[in-house]
Structures are given as C-alpha cells and as structure tokens.
Amino acid sequence: MTKMGVRPSRIVDLRKKKVLLDKRLESLYKKAKHLEILCDIEIGMFFFSPGDQNIFAWPSLTQATDRVKNYLDFFDKQRPIKMVKHEDFLQSVLNAKEDKINQLEKIVEKKEIEYNFNQLVEEIKRFDELEVREIKALINLFAVKRAQLDERAKQLNENVETEIDSNDYNDGKENEGHL
C-alpha cells in the first residue's frame, strides 16, 4: 500500500512509537540540513511530548537555543511592520471583543431603562417595584428627556418668532404658511 493510502492513527506500542519517531526525526533532520545548505539559513528545532521530560533539539540543544535567541533578538531590533506576536494579536482581538460587549451592554441597559419608563407611563409598574439602580437610571433618563424637551421648545419658540416677523413684513397680509 502506498503512503498516500495509509491513514495516521495513534500508535499504542511504545517500542513501535519510538522507532517511528526516530525514523521521522532523522528524515526531518536530513531535510532541514539540505534546506540550510540550499537557502543559506539557520534552522533550529525543538521536539517534546507533553507527558515526557525528554526534549529533542536539532542540531544540538545549545545551537538550537542560540538560534532561537538570535531570531528573537533580530526581530526585537528590526521588527517588520506586519510582524505581530501571537499574544499581541490575541490581546487586540480580546480588546475589540470587550469593547463590543461593553457597547452591547450599554444598548441593553438603555433599552431596559426605556422599557421601565414605558411600564411606568402605562401604569403597569410602580416606582416601589423598581431597584435603586433602575431608579437612578430613570432619573438620568428624565434629565435627558427634559433637556430634549427644552431644546424642542426653544426651536418652536424661534419658529414662532420668525413667522411673526415674516408677517410684519407682508404689509398687513396674512401669511398663509408659504415663505
């Protein structure tokens, strides 16, 4: 059977697992060495299994750690613009999600306040049934609504004054609503 037809499955036998791991690591080392030579690059690899204390490193533990340190130092000095650390990316995603949640919470709170206001107006709810937080929010809503009403009254007064002024300039003719 060809390799393409073999499905990967977990090997239970430790001896077979060790033999297969050694074989695959040897193949990987060989390919890494060819890649190093062909592309004139430095390659360092670490392998470990979560339940095991053994850490495999290529070409050696000290050379691999030196290569990783060189890599990190290089990007700390000359970080490309599009290079983003995984933690930074996740933090930005988390911040965006938190902002979205905060916006949604504010929208929900506003709708709850308006719902309570409507319940009070329609006499379905009484003030003594509300919590302190809801009462404070309603007081703020009343202040906002009062400011909106005052602004609207001011606009209406200005409109009435402009209509009166325009009637004064019409030589006694009544303004029929057309300007």
N, C-alpha and C. Protein backbone atom coordinates (compact mmCIF):
# COMPACT_ATOMS: atom_id res chain seq x y z
N MET A 1 0.84 -1.18 0.00
CA MET A 1 0.00 0.00 0.00
C MET A 1 0.89 1.24 0.00
N THR A 2 0.49 2.27 -0.69
CA THR A 2 1.29 3.49 -0.77
C THR A 2 1.11 4.33 0.49
N LYS A 3 1.99 5.28 0.67
CA LYS A 3 1.91 6.14 1.85
C LYS A 3 0.68 7.02 1.81
N MET A 4 0.22 7.36 0.62
CA MET A 4 -0.95 8.22 0.50
C MET A 4 -2.20 7.52 1.00
N GLY A 5 -2.22 6.18 0.93
CA GLY A 5 -3.41 5.45 1.33
C GLY A 5 -3.43 5.12 2.81
N VAL A 6 -2.33 5.33 3.53
CA VAL A 6 -2.27 5.00 4.94
C VAL A 6 -2.81 6.17 5.75
N ARG A 7 -3.72 5.86 6.62
CA ARG A 7 -4.29 6.90 7.48
C ARG A 7 -3.51 6.94 8.79
N PRO A 8 -3.20 8.14 9.25
CA PRO A 8 -2.48 8.23 10.52
C PRO A 8 -3.38 7.78 11.67
N SER A 9 -2.80 7.01 12.55
CA SER A 9 -3.53 6.57 13.74
C SER A 9 -2.56 6.55 14.90
N ARG A 10 -3.07 6.61 16.10
CA ARG A 10 -2.24 6.64 17.30
C ARG A 10 -1.63 5.26 17.51
N ILE A 11 -0.31 5.26 17.74
CA ILE A 11 0.40 4.01 17.99
C ILE A 11 0.46 3.80 19.49
N VAL A 12 -0.01 2.65 19.94
CA VAL A 12 -0.08 2.35 21.36
C VAL A 12 1.22 1.72 21.85
N ASP A 13 1.82 0.88 21.04
CA ASP A 13 3.05 0.18 21.42
C ASP A 13 4.20 1.19 21.50
N LEU A 14 4.83 1.31 22.68
CA LEU A 14 5.89 2.30 22.89
C LEU A 14 7.12 2.04 22.04
N ARG A 15 7.47 0.77 21.84
CA ARG A 15 8.65 0.43 21.04
C ARG A 15 8.44 0.86 19.60
N LYS A 16 7.27 0.57 19.04
CA LYS A 16 6.97 0.97 17.66
C LYS A 16 6.92 2.49 17.54
N LYS A 17 6.37 3.13 18.56
CA LYS A 17 6.28 4.58 18.56
C LYS A 17 7.68 5.21 18.55
N LYS A 18 8.59 4.67 19.37
CA LYS A 18 9.97 5.17 19.44
C LYS A 18 10.69 4.97 18.11
N VAL A 19 10.52 3.80 17.49
CA VAL A 19 11.17 3.52 16.21
C VAL A 19 10.65 4.48 15.14
N LEU A 20 9.34 4.66 15.08
CA LEU A 20 8.75 5.56 14.09
C LEU A 20 9.20 7.01 14.32
N LEU A 21 9.24 7.44 15.59
CA LEU A 21 9.68 8.79 15.90
C LEU A 21 11.13 9.01 15.48
N ASP A 22 11.99 8.06 15.79
CA ASP A 22 13.40 8.18 15.39
C ASP A 22 13.53 8.26 13.87
N LYS A 23 12.78 7.43 13.18
CA LYS A 23 12.84 7.41 11.71
C LYS A 23 12.38 8.75 11.13
N ARG A 24 11.27 9.27 11.63
CA ARG A 24 10.73 10.53 11.12
C ARG A 24 11.61 11.72 11.49
N LEU A 25 12.17 11.70 12.69
CA LEU A 25 13.07 12.79 13.09
C LEU A 25 14.33 12.79 12.24
N GLU A 26 14.86 11.61 11.96
CA GLU A 26 16.05 11.51 11.12
C GLU A 26 15.77 12.08 9.73
N SER A 27 14.59 11.78 9.19
CA SER A 27 14.20 12.31 7.89
C SER A 27 14.06 13.83 7.95
N LEU A 28 13.48 14.33 9.02
CA LEU A 28 13.31 15.76 9.19
C LEU A 28 14.65 16.47 9.34
N TYR A 29 15.58 15.89 10.10
CA TYR A 29 16.92 16.46 10.24
C TYR A 29 17.60 16.57 8.89
N LYS A 30 17.47 15.52 8.10
CA LYS A 30 18.10 15.48 6.78
C LYS A 30 17.55 16.60 5.89
N LYS A 31 16.23 16.76 5.89
CA LYS A 31 15.60 17.81 5.08
C LYS A 31 15.99 19.20 5.57
N ALA A 32 16.09 19.36 6.89
CA ALA A 32 16.49 20.65 7.45
C ALA A 32 17.92 20.99 7.06
N LYS A 33 18.80 19.99 7.08
CA LYS A 33 20.20 20.21 6.69
C LYS A 33 20.30 20.63 5.23
N HIS A 34 19.54 19.97 4.35
CA HIS A 34 19.52 20.34 2.94
C HIS A 34 18.99 21.76 2.76
N LEU A 35 17.96 22.10 3.48
CA LEU A 35 17.38 23.43 3.40
C LEU A 35 18.37 24.50 3.89
N GLU A 36 19.10 24.18 4.95
CA GLU A 36 20.11 25.10 5.45
C GLU A 36 21.17 25.39 4.39
N ILE A 37 21.61 24.34 3.73
CA ILE A 37 22.66 24.48 2.72
C ILE A 37 22.14 25.21 1.49
N LEU A 38 20.97 24.80 0.99
CA LEU A 38 20.43 25.38 -0.24
C LEU A 38 20.07 26.86 -0.09
N CYS A 39 19.47 27.21 1.02
CA CYS A 39 18.95 28.57 1.19
C CYS A 39 19.84 29.47 2.04
N ASP A 40 20.92 28.94 2.56
CA ASP A 40 21.85 29.69 3.40
C ASP A 40 21.10 30.33 4.58
N ILE A 41 20.43 29.48 5.34
CA ILE A 41 19.67 29.93 6.50
C ILE A 41 20.08 29.09 7.70
N GLU A 42 19.69 29.55 8.89
CA GLU A 42 19.93 28.78 10.11
C GLU A 42 18.61 28.18 10.56
N ILE A 43 18.65 26.89 10.87
CA ILE A 43 17.46 26.20 11.34
C ILE A 43 17.76 25.58 12.69
N GLY A 44 16.85 25.76 13.62
CA GLY A 44 16.93 25.13 14.93
C GLY A 44 15.56 24.58 15.26
N MET A 45 15.50 23.36 15.75
CA MET A 45 14.20 22.74 16.02
C MET A 45 14.20 22.13 17.42
N PHE A 46 13.04 22.20 18.06
CA PHE A 46 12.81 21.56 19.35
C PHE A 46 11.63 20.62 19.22
N PHE A 47 11.73 19.47 19.86
CA PHE A 47 10.64 18.50 19.87
C PHE A 47 10.45 18.03 21.30
N PHE A 48 9.21 17.94 21.71
CA PHE A 48 8.93 17.39 23.04
C PHE A 48 7.52 16.83 23.03
N SER A 49 7.29 15.93 23.94
CA SER A 49 5.93 15.43 24.12
C SER A 49 5.47 15.88 25.50
N PRO A 50 4.22 16.29 25.63
CA PRO A 50 3.75 16.90 26.87
C PRO A 50 3.93 16.03 28.12
N GLY A 51 3.76 14.75 28.01
CA GLY A 51 3.87 13.90 29.19
C GLY A 51 5.28 13.43 29.47
N ASP A 52 6.23 13.74 28.62
CA ASP A 52 7.59 13.22 28.73
C ASP A 52 8.55 14.36 29.08
N GLN A 53 9.62 14.04 29.80
CA GLN A 53 10.62 15.04 30.17
C GLN A 53 11.69 15.22 29.10
N ASN A 54 11.73 14.33 28.10
CA ASN A 54 12.75 14.40 27.07
C ASN A 54 12.45 15.52 26.08
N ILE A 55 13.48 16.30 25.79
CA ILE A 55 13.38 17.35 24.77
C ILE A 55 14.43 17.04 23.72
N PHE A 56 13.97 16.94 22.49
CA PHE A 56 14.89 16.71 21.38
C PHE A 56 15.16 18.06 20.74
N ALA A 57 16.42 18.32 20.44
CA ALA A 57 16.79 19.57 19.78
C ALA A 57 17.72 19.24 18.63
N TRP A 58 17.61 20.03 17.57
CA TRP A 58 18.49 19.84 16.42
C TRP A 58 19.07 21.17 16.04
N PRO A 59 20.28 21.32 15.72
CA PRO A 59 21.38 20.36 15.62
C PRO A 59 21.88 19.92 17.00
N SER A 60 21.86 20.81 17.99
CA SER A 60 22.11 20.42 19.38
C SER A 60 21.32 21.39 20.24
N LEU A 61 21.21 21.10 21.51
CA LEU A 61 20.40 21.94 22.38
C LEU A 61 20.97 23.36 22.46
N THR A 62 22.27 23.49 22.60
CA THR A 62 22.87 24.83 22.71
C THR A 62 22.77 25.59 21.39
N GLN A 63 23.02 24.91 20.27
CA GLN A 63 22.93 25.59 18.97
C GLN A 63 21.49 26.00 18.67
N ALA A 64 20.54 25.15 18.99
CA ALA A 64 19.13 25.48 18.74
C ALA A 64 18.69 26.65 19.60
N THR A 65 19.08 26.66 20.88
CA THR A 65 18.69 27.79 21.74
C THR A 65 19.36 29.08 21.29
N ASP A 66 20.62 28.99 20.85
CA ASP A 66 21.30 30.18 20.32
C ASP A 66 20.58 30.72 19.09
N ARG A 67 20.15 29.84 18.22
CA ARG A 67 19.45 30.26 17.01
C ARG A 67 18.11 30.92 17.34
N VAL A 68 17.41 30.36 18.32
CA VAL A 68 16.14 30.97 18.73
C VAL A 68 16.39 32.35 19.34
N LYS A 69 17.42 32.47 20.17
CA LYS A 69 17.74 33.78 20.77
C LYS A 69 18.12 34.79 19.69
N ASN A 70 18.91 34.37 18.71
CA ASN A 70 19.27 35.26 17.61
C ASN A 70 18.04 35.71 16.84
N TYR A 71 17.13 34.78 16.61
CA TYR A 71 15.89 35.10 15.90
C TYR A 71 15.09 36.15 16.66
N LEU A 72 14.90 35.94 17.97
CA LEU A 72 14.12 36.88 18.77
C LEU A 72 14.81 38.23 18.90
N ASP A 73 16.15 38.23 19.05
CA ASP A 73 16.89 39.49 19.12
C ASP A 73 16.78 40.27 17.82
N PHE A 74 16.84 39.56 16.71
CA PHE A 74 16.75 40.22 15.41
C PHE A 74 15.41 40.94 15.27
N PHE A 75 14.33 40.28 15.66
CA PHE A 75 13.02 40.90 15.48
C PHE A 75 12.72 41.94 16.54
N ASP A 76 13.41 41.88 17.68
CA ASP A 76 13.25 42.97 18.63
C ASP A 76 13.92 44.23 18.12
N LYS A 77 15.04 44.06 17.39
CA LYS A 77 15.75 45.22 16.85
C LYS A 77 15.10 45.75 15.58
N GLN A 78 14.80 44.85 14.66
CA GLN A 78 14.26 45.25 13.36
C GLN A 78 12.96 44.49 13.09
N ARG A 79 11.93 44.88 13.77
CA ARG A 79 10.66 44.20 13.60
C ARG A 79 9.96 44.74 12.36
N PRO A 80 9.61 43.86 11.43
CA PRO A 80 8.85 44.33 10.27
C PRO A 80 7.49 44.87 10.71
N ILE A 81 6.93 45.73 9.90
CA ILE A 81 5.67 46.37 10.25
C ILE A 81 4.55 45.34 10.39
N LYS A 82 4.52 44.36 9.52
CA LYS A 82 3.42 43.40 9.55
C LYS A 82 3.67 42.24 10.52
N MET A 83 4.83 42.20 11.15
CA MET A 83 5.14 41.13 12.09
C MET A 83 4.41 41.41 13.39
N VAL A 84 3.56 40.51 13.81
CA VAL A 84 2.79 40.67 15.03
C VAL A 84 2.97 39.42 15.87
N LYS A 85 3.26 39.63 17.14
CA LYS A 85 3.36 38.48 18.02
C LYS A 85 1.96 37.93 18.25
N HIS A 86 1.89 36.64 18.48
CA HIS A 86 0.61 35.98 18.67
C HIS A 86 -0.13 36.57 19.88
N GLU A 87 0.61 36.85 20.96
CA GLU A 87 -0.03 37.40 22.15
C GLU A 87 -0.60 38.78 21.88
N ASP A 88 0.14 39.60 21.12
CA ASP A 88 -0.34 40.94 20.79
C ASP A 88 -1.61 40.87 19.95
N PHE A 89 -1.61 39.95 19.00
CA PHE A 89 -2.79 39.78 18.15
C PHE A 89 -3.99 39.34 18.98
N LEU A 90 -3.76 38.35 19.85
CA LEU A 90 -4.86 37.88 20.70
C LEU A 90 -5.34 38.97 21.64
N GLN A 91 -4.41 39.78 22.15
CA GLN A 91 -4.80 40.87 23.04
C GLN A 91 -5.65 41.90 22.29
N SER A 92 -5.29 42.19 21.05
CA SER A 92 -6.09 43.15 20.27
C SER A 92 -7.48 42.59 19.97
N VAL A 93 -7.55 41.29 19.68
CA VAL A 93 -8.85 40.66 19.45
C VAL A 93 -9.68 40.71 20.73
N LEU A 94 -9.04 40.41 21.86
CA LEU A 94 -9.73 40.43 23.14
C LEU A 94 -10.25 41.83 23.46
N ASN A 95 -9.42 42.85 23.23
CA ASN A 95 -9.85 44.23 23.48
C ASN A 95 -11.03 44.62 22.60
N ALA A 96 -10.98 44.21 21.34
CA ALA A 96 -12.09 44.51 20.42
C ALA A 96 -13.37 43.84 20.89
N LYS A 97 -13.26 42.58 21.33
CA LYS A 97 -14.44 41.86 21.82
C LYS A 97 -14.98 42.52 23.09
N GLU A 98 -14.09 42.95 23.99
CA GLU A 98 -14.53 43.62 25.21
C GLU A 98 -15.25 44.93 24.89
N ASP A 99 -14.72 45.68 23.93
CA ASP A 99 -15.37 46.92 23.52
C ASP A 99 -16.76 46.65 22.96
N LYS A 100 -16.87 45.61 22.14
CA LYS A 100 -18.16 45.24 21.56
C LYS A 100 -19.14 44.84 22.66
N ILE A 101 -18.66 44.06 23.63
CA ILE A 101 -19.51 43.64 24.75
C ILE A 101 -19.97 44.85 25.55
N ASN A 102 -19.06 45.79 25.81
CA ASN A 102 -19.44 47.00 26.55
C ASN A 102 -20.49 47.80 25.80
N GLN A 103 -20.34 47.92 24.48
CA GLN A 103 -21.33 48.63 23.68
C GLN A 103 -22.69 47.94 23.76
N LEU A 104 -22.68 46.61 23.64
CA LEU A 104 -23.94 45.87 23.71
C LEU A 104 -24.58 45.99 25.09
N GLU A 105 -23.76 45.98 26.15
CA GLU A 105 -24.30 46.14 27.50
C GLU A 105 -24.96 47.51 27.66
N LYS A 106 -24.33 48.55 27.10
CA LYS A 106 -24.92 49.89 27.17
C LYS A 106 -26.24 49.95 26.41
N ILE A 107 -26.29 49.31 25.25
CA ILE A 107 -27.53 49.29 24.46
C ILE A 107 -28.63 48.56 25.23
N VAL A 108 -28.28 47.42 25.83
CA VAL A 108 -29.27 46.65 26.60
C VAL A 108 -29.75 47.46 27.79
N GLU A 109 -28.83 48.11 28.48
CA GLU A 109 -29.21 48.92 29.64
C GLU A 109 -30.14 50.06 29.22
N LYS A 110 -29.83 50.70 28.09
CA LYS A 110 -30.67 51.79 27.60
C LYS A 110 -32.08 51.28 27.27
N LYS A 111 -32.15 50.12 26.63
CA LYS A 111 -33.46 49.56 26.28
C LYS A 111 -34.24 49.16 27.54
N GLU A 112 -33.53 48.63 28.55
CA GLU A 112 -34.20 48.29 29.81
C GLU A 112 -34.76 49.54 30.48
N ILE A 113 -33.99 50.62 30.45
CA ILE A 113 -34.46 51.87 31.06
C ILE A 113 -35.69 52.39 30.33
N GLU A 114 -35.64 52.38 29.00
CA GLU A 114 -36.80 52.84 28.23
C GLU A 114 -38.01 51.93 28.46
N TYR A 115 -37.76 50.64 28.60
CA TYR A 115 -38.85 49.70 28.88
C TYR A 115 -39.47 50.02 30.24
N ASN A 116 -38.64 50.24 31.24
CA ASN A 116 -39.15 50.59 32.57
C ASN A 116 -39.91 51.91 32.53
N PHE A 117 -39.39 52.87 31.76
CA PHE A 117 -40.08 54.15 31.61
C PHE A 117 -41.47 53.94 31.02
N ASN A 118 -41.54 53.16 29.96
CA ASN A 118 -42.84 52.88 29.33
C ASN A 118 -43.77 52.13 30.28
N GLN A 119 -43.22 51.22 31.06
CA GLN A 119 -44.03 50.49 32.03
C GLN A 119 -44.61 51.45 33.08
N LEU A 120 -43.80 52.42 33.49
CA LEU A 120 -44.28 53.40 34.46
C LEU A 120 -45.35 54.30 33.86
N VAL A 121 -45.14 54.73 32.62
CA VAL A 121 -46.11 55.62 31.96
C VAL A 121 -47.44 54.90 31.77
N GLU A 122 -47.39 53.65 31.39
CA GLU A 122 -48.62 52.88 31.16
C GLU A 122 -49.20 52.33 32.45
N GLU A 123 -48.60 52.68 33.57
CA GLU A 123 -49.04 52.27 34.91
C GLU A 123 -49.07 50.76 35.08
N ILE A 124 -48.18 50.07 34.40
CA ILE A 124 -48.05 48.62 34.59
C ILE A 124 -47.14 48.35 35.79
N LYS A 125 -46.14 49.22 35.97
CA LYS A 125 -45.22 49.10 37.09
C LYS A 125 -45.35 50.32 37.97
N ARG A 126 -44.96 50.14 39.24
CA ARG A 126 -44.95 51.26 40.17
C ARG A 126 -43.51 51.54 40.58
N PHE A 127 -43.28 52.75 41.09
CA PHE A 127 -41.92 53.12 41.49
C PHE A 127 -41.36 52.21 42.58
N ASP A 128 -42.22 51.79 43.49
CA ASP A 128 -41.72 50.96 44.60
C ASP A 128 -41.32 49.55 44.15
N GLU A 129 -41.63 49.18 42.92
CA GLU A 129 -41.23 47.87 42.39
C GLU A 129 -39.85 47.91 41.75
N LEU A 130 -39.30 49.11 41.55
CA LEU A 130 -38.01 49.26 40.88
C LEU A 130 -36.86 49.15 41.87
N GLU A 131 -35.72 48.71 41.36
CA GLU A 131 -34.50 48.66 42.16
C GLU A 131 -33.85 50.03 42.16
N VAL A 132 -32.91 50.23 43.06
CA VAL A 132 -32.23 51.52 43.19
C VAL A 132 -31.49 51.86 41.90
N ARG A 133 -30.82 50.89 41.31
CA ARG A 133 -30.08 51.11 40.06
C ARG A 133 -31.03 51.57 38.96
N GLU A 134 -32.21 50.94 38.89
CA GLU A 134 -33.18 51.30 37.86
C GLU A 134 -33.72 52.70 38.08
N ILE A 135 -33.94 53.07 39.35
CA ILE A 135 -34.45 54.41 39.65
C ILE A 135 -33.42 55.47 39.28
N LYS A 136 -32.15 55.22 39.60
CA LYS A 136 -31.09 56.17 39.23
C LYS A 136 -31.00 56.32 37.71
N ALA A 137 -31.11 55.21 37.01
CA ALA A 137 -31.06 55.26 35.55
C ALA A 137 -32.26 56.03 35.00
N LEU A 138 -33.43 55.85 35.61
CA LEU A 138 -34.62 56.59 35.18
C LEU A 138 -34.47 58.08 35.44
N ILE A 139 -33.85 58.44 36.56
CA ILE A 139 -33.62 59.86 36.84
C ILE A 139 -32.73 60.47 35.76
N ASN A 140 -31.69 59.73 35.37
CA ASN A 140 -30.83 60.21 34.28
C ASN A 140 -31.61 60.32 32.98
N LEU A 141 -32.47 59.34 32.71
CA LEU A 141 -33.29 59.38 31.50
C LEU A 141 -34.23 60.58 31.53
N PHE A 142 -34.82 60.85 32.70
CA PHE A 142 -35.70 62.01 32.82
C PHE A 142 -34.94 63.29 32.53
N ALA A 143 -33.71 63.39 33.00
CA ALA A 143 -32.90 64.58 32.76
C ALA A 143 -32.62 64.74 31.27
N VAL A 144 -32.31 63.65 30.61
CA VAL A 144 -32.05 63.70 29.17
C VAL A 144 -33.31 64.09 28.41
N LYS A 145 -34.44 63.47 28.77
CA LYS A 145 -35.71 63.80 28.10
C LYS A 145 -36.09 65.26 28.36
N ARG A 146 -35.84 65.75 29.58
CA ARG A 146 -36.15 67.14 29.91
C ARG A 146 -35.31 68.09 29.05
N ALA A 147 -34.02 67.76 28.88
CA ALA A 147 -33.15 68.59 28.05
C ALA A 147 -33.62 68.57 26.60
N GLN A 148 -34.07 67.42 26.12
CA GLN A 148 -34.58 67.32 24.75
C GLN A 148 -35.85 68.16 24.59
N LEU A 149 -36.73 68.11 25.59
CA LEU A 149 -37.97 68.90 25.54
C LEU A 149 -37.66 70.40 25.57
N ASP A 150 -36.71 70.80 26.41
CA ASP A 150 -36.33 72.22 26.46
C ASP A 150 -35.77 72.68 25.12
N GLU A 151 -34.95 71.85 24.50
CA GLU A 151 -34.37 72.18 23.19
C GLU A 151 -35.47 72.30 22.14
N ARG A 152 -36.42 71.38 22.19
CA ARG A 152 -37.53 71.42 21.22
C ARG A 152 -38.40 72.66 21.44
N ALA A 153 -38.64 73.01 22.70
CA ALA A 153 -39.43 74.21 22.99
C ALA A 153 -38.71 75.46 22.48
N LYS A 154 -37.40 75.48 22.64
CA LYS A 154 -36.61 76.61 22.15
C LYS A 154 -36.72 76.73 20.64
N GLN A 155 -36.64 75.59 19.94
CA GLN A 155 -36.77 75.60 18.48
C GLN A 155 -38.15 76.08 18.06
N LEU A 156 -39.19 75.61 18.75
CA LEU A 156 -40.55 76.04 18.41
C LEU A 156 -40.74 77.54 18.65
N ASN A 157 -40.18 78.05 19.73
CA ASN A 157 -40.28 79.49 20.00
C ASN A 157 -39.58 80.30 18.91
N GLU A 158 -38.43 79.81 18.45
CA GLU A 158 -37.72 80.51 17.38
C GLU A 158 -38.54 80.48 16.09
N ASN A 159 -39.19 79.35 15.80
CA ASN A 159 -40.03 79.25 14.60
C ASN A 159 -41.22 80.20 14.69
N VAL A 160 -41.83 80.29 15.85
CA VAL A 160 -42.97 81.19 16.03
C VAL A 160 -42.52 82.64 15.85
N GLU A 161 -41.36 82.99 16.40
CA GLU A 161 -40.86 84.36 16.27
C GLU A 161 -40.55 84.69 14.81
N THR A 162 -39.99 83.76 14.07
CA THR A 162 -39.69 84.03 12.66
C THR A 162 -40.98 84.18 11.86
N GLU A 163 -42.02 83.43 12.20
CA GLU A 163 -43.30 83.57 11.49
C GLU A 163 -43.93 84.92 11.80
N ILE A 164 -43.82 85.35 13.05
CA ILE A 164 -44.38 86.65 13.42
C ILE A 164 -43.63 87.76 12.69
N ASP A 165 -42.30 87.63 12.64
CA ASP A 165 -41.50 88.63 11.94
C ASP A 165 -41.82 88.66 10.46
N SER A 166 -42.03 87.51 9.84
CA SER A 166 -42.33 87.48 8.41
C SER A 166 -43.71 88.06 8.14
N ASN A 167 -44.67 87.93 9.07
CA ASN A 167 -45.99 88.54 8.90
C ASN A 167 -45.91 90.07 9.01
N ASP A 168 -44.98 90.58 9.78
CA ASP A 168 -44.83 92.02 9.92
C ASP A 168 -44.37 92.66 8.61
N TYR A 169 -43.62 91.95 7.80
CA TYR A 169 -43.09 92.50 6.55
C TYR A 169 -44.04 92.31 5.37
N ASN A 170 -45.22 91.75 5.55
CA ASN A 170 -46.13 91.47 4.45
C ASN A 170 -47.18 92.57 4.26
N ASP A 171 -46.98 93.74 4.79
CA ASP A 171 -47.90 94.88 4.64
C ASP A 171 -49.31 94.51 5.07
N GLY A 172 -49.42 93.85 6.18
CA GLY A 172 -50.73 93.53 6.71
C GLY A 172 -51.37 92.31 6.12
N LYS A 173 -50.77 91.70 5.10
CA LYS A 173 -51.35 90.48 4.53
C LYS A 173 -51.02 89.31 5.44
N GLU A 174 -51.95 88.44 5.57
CA GLU A 174 -51.78 87.25 6.42
C GLU A 174 -50.85 86.27 5.72
N ASN A 175 -49.94 85.70 6.44
CA ASN A 175 -49.04 84.67 5.92
C ASN A 175 -49.81 83.36 5.91
N GLU A 176 -49.90 82.76 4.73
CA GLU A 176 -50.67 81.52 4.60
C GLU A 176 -49.79 80.29 4.81
N GLY A 177 -48.67 80.46 5.40
CA GLY A 177 -47.79 79.32 5.66
C GLY A 177 -46.74 79.14 4.60
N HIS A 178 -46.78 79.94 3.52
CA HIS A 178 -45.76 79.84 2.48
C HIS A 178 -44.71 80.89 2.73
N LEU A 179 -43.51 80.54 2.61
CA LEU A 179 -42.42 81.51 2.81
C LEU A 179 -41.96 82.09 1.51
